[in-house]
Amino acid sequence: MTNQTNAPPAVDYAPLELQGELIAMQELTIENLLTIAQSQVSESQQELHLQLLEKNKTNQLSESDRLLLRSLRVSADYLMLKKAYSYALLKWKGYSIPDFEQLVK
């Protein structure tokens, strides 16, 4: 691993409500960043999301279902942003990031 000599990855591309959390991630340990980078949406959330998407295809969503679907989508989007930022921070901190092919195995 090498010493960090440049500025951390920018967060200004991220939604405002997530920028503070991303900035705080700059202080996390390698182990904590790896935990975030390898995290996944729970199976129950994935299943619920898929069920709501199916109902949406046939216009069977209630207003509360629409709000829940939006919330699940935003949560999944934010998780993906945090995962991507974790990998960017790991690289910035000198951690060797595996190639894409190694990640999907």
Protein backbone atom coordinates (compact mmCIF):
# COMPACT_ATOMS: atom_id res chain seq x y z
CA MET A 1 0.00 0.00 0.00
CA THR A 2 1.14 3.52 -0.74
CA ASN A 3 0.67 6.70 1.21
CA GLN A 4 -2.10 9.01 0.11
CA THR A 5 -0.65 12.14 -1.44
CA ASN A 6 -3.65 13.68 -3.17
CA ALA A 7 -7.12 14.85 -2.22
CA PRO A 8 -9.83 12.28 -1.54
CA PRO A 9 -12.36 11.56 -4.29
CA ALA A 10 -14.91 14.34 -4.74
CA VAL A 11 -18.45 13.96 -3.43
CA ASP A 12 -20.06 16.87 -5.24
CA TYR A 13 -21.58 14.53 -7.86
CA ALA A 14 -23.62 12.79 -5.14
CA PRO A 15 -27.05 13.84 -3.88
CA LEU A 16 -26.77 16.55 -1.23
CA GLU A 17 -28.38 14.36 1.44
CA LEU A 18 -25.65 11.74 0.93
CA GLN A 19 -22.59 14.00 0.70
CA GLY A 20 -22.06 14.26 4.47
CA GLU A 21 -22.04 10.49 4.85
CA LEU A 22 -19.60 10.12 1.96
CA ILE A 23 -17.28 12.72 3.47
CA ALA A 24 -17.41 10.89 6.82
CA MET A 25 -16.43 7.68 5.02
CA GLN A 26 -13.05 9.29 4.24
CA GLU A 27 -12.04 8.61 7.85
CA LEU A 28 -13.04 4.93 7.87
CA THR A 29 -10.54 2.10 8.12
CA ILE A 30 -9.75 -0.18 5.20
CA GLU A 31 -11.76 -2.93 6.90
CA ASN A 32 -14.84 -0.71 7.29
CA LEU A 33 -14.58 0.46 3.68
CA LEU A 34 -14.33 -3.15 2.50
CA THR A 35 -17.45 -4.00 4.50
CA ILE A 36 -19.37 -1.22 2.76
CA ALA A 37 -17.92 -2.09 -0.65
CA GLN A 38 -19.04 -5.71 -0.28
CA SER A 39 -22.46 -4.97 1.22
CA GLN A 40 -25.66 -5.92 -0.57
CA VAL A 41 -29.35 -5.15 -0.40
CA SER A 42 -31.03 -7.76 1.80
CA GLU A 43 -32.84 -10.61 0.09
CA SER A 44 -36.14 -9.56 1.63
CA GLN A 45 -35.76 -6.02 0.25
CA GLN A 46 -34.80 -7.39 -3.16
CA GLU A 47 -37.84 -9.68 -3.18
CA LEU A 48 -40.18 -6.88 -2.12
CA HIS A 49 -38.70 -4.57 -4.74
CA LEU A 50 -39.26 -7.18 -7.46
CA GLN A 51 -42.83 -7.82 -6.31
CA LEU A 52 -43.61 -4.11 -6.42
CA LEU A 53 -42.02 -3.78 -9.86
CA GLU A 54 -44.24 -6.61 -11.13
CA LYS A 55 -47.33 -4.94 -9.68
CA ASN A 56 -46.22 -1.68 -11.29
CA LYS A 57 -46.11 -3.33 -14.73
CA THR A 58 -49.84 -3.96 -14.48
CA ASN A 59 -50.71 -0.65 -12.80
CA GLN A 60 -51.73 -2.38 -9.57
CA LEU A 61 -49.75 -0.21 -7.16
CA SER A 62 -51.52 1.66 -4.41
CA GLU A 63 -50.17 5.05 -3.38
CA SER A 64 -48.41 3.48 -0.39
CA ASP A 65 -46.90 0.84 -2.72
CA ARG A 66 -45.61 3.63 -4.99
CA LEU A 67 -43.99 5.37 -2.05
CA LEU A 68 -42.45 2.11 -0.85
CA LEU A 69 -41.16 1.31 -4.34
CA ARG A 70 -39.58 4.75 -4.58
CA SER A 71 -38.02 4.35 -1.14
CA LEU A 72 -36.56 0.94 -2.05
CA ARG A 73 -35.15 2.34 -5.29
CA VAL A 74 -33.56 5.30 -3.56
CA SER A 75 -32.09 3.03 -0.86
CA ALA A 76 -30.61 0.73 -3.51
CA ASP A 77 -29.24 3.71 -5.44
CA TYR A 78 -27.64 5.15 -2.32
CA LEU A 79 -26.10 1.80 -1.44
CA MET A 80 -24.56 1.58 -4.91
CA LEU A 81 -23.15 5.11 -4.55
CA LYS A 82 -21.67 4.23 -1.15
CA LYS A 83 -20.18 1.02 -2.54
CA ALA A 84 -18.62 2.87 -5.48
CA TYR A 85 -17.29 5.60 -3.19
CA SER A 86 -15.87 2.95 -0.85
CA TYR A 87 -13.89 1.47 -3.72
CA ALA A 88 -12.71 4.94 -4.76
CA LEU A 89 -11.56 5.62 -1.19
CA LEU A 90 -9.84 2.25 -0.95
CA LYS A 91 -7.92 3.03 -4.11
CA TRP A 92 -7.13 6.54 -2.83
CA LYS A 93 -5.77 5.00 0.39
CA GLY A 94 -3.49 2.74 -1.66
CA TYR A 95 -5.48 -0.48 -1.33
CA SER A 96 -5.21 -2.77 -4.34
CA ILE A 97 -8.64 -2.98 -5.96
CA PRO A 98 -9.48 -6.24 -7.75
CA ASP A 99 -10.32 -6.17 -11.43
CA PHE A 100 -13.99 -6.31 -12.40
CA GLU A 101 -13.61 -9.92 -13.49
CA GLN A 102 -12.35 -10.83 -10.03
CA LEU A 103 -15.27 -9.03 -8.36
CA VAL A 104 -17.98 -10.93 -10.25
CA LYS A 105 -16.58 -14.41 -9.58
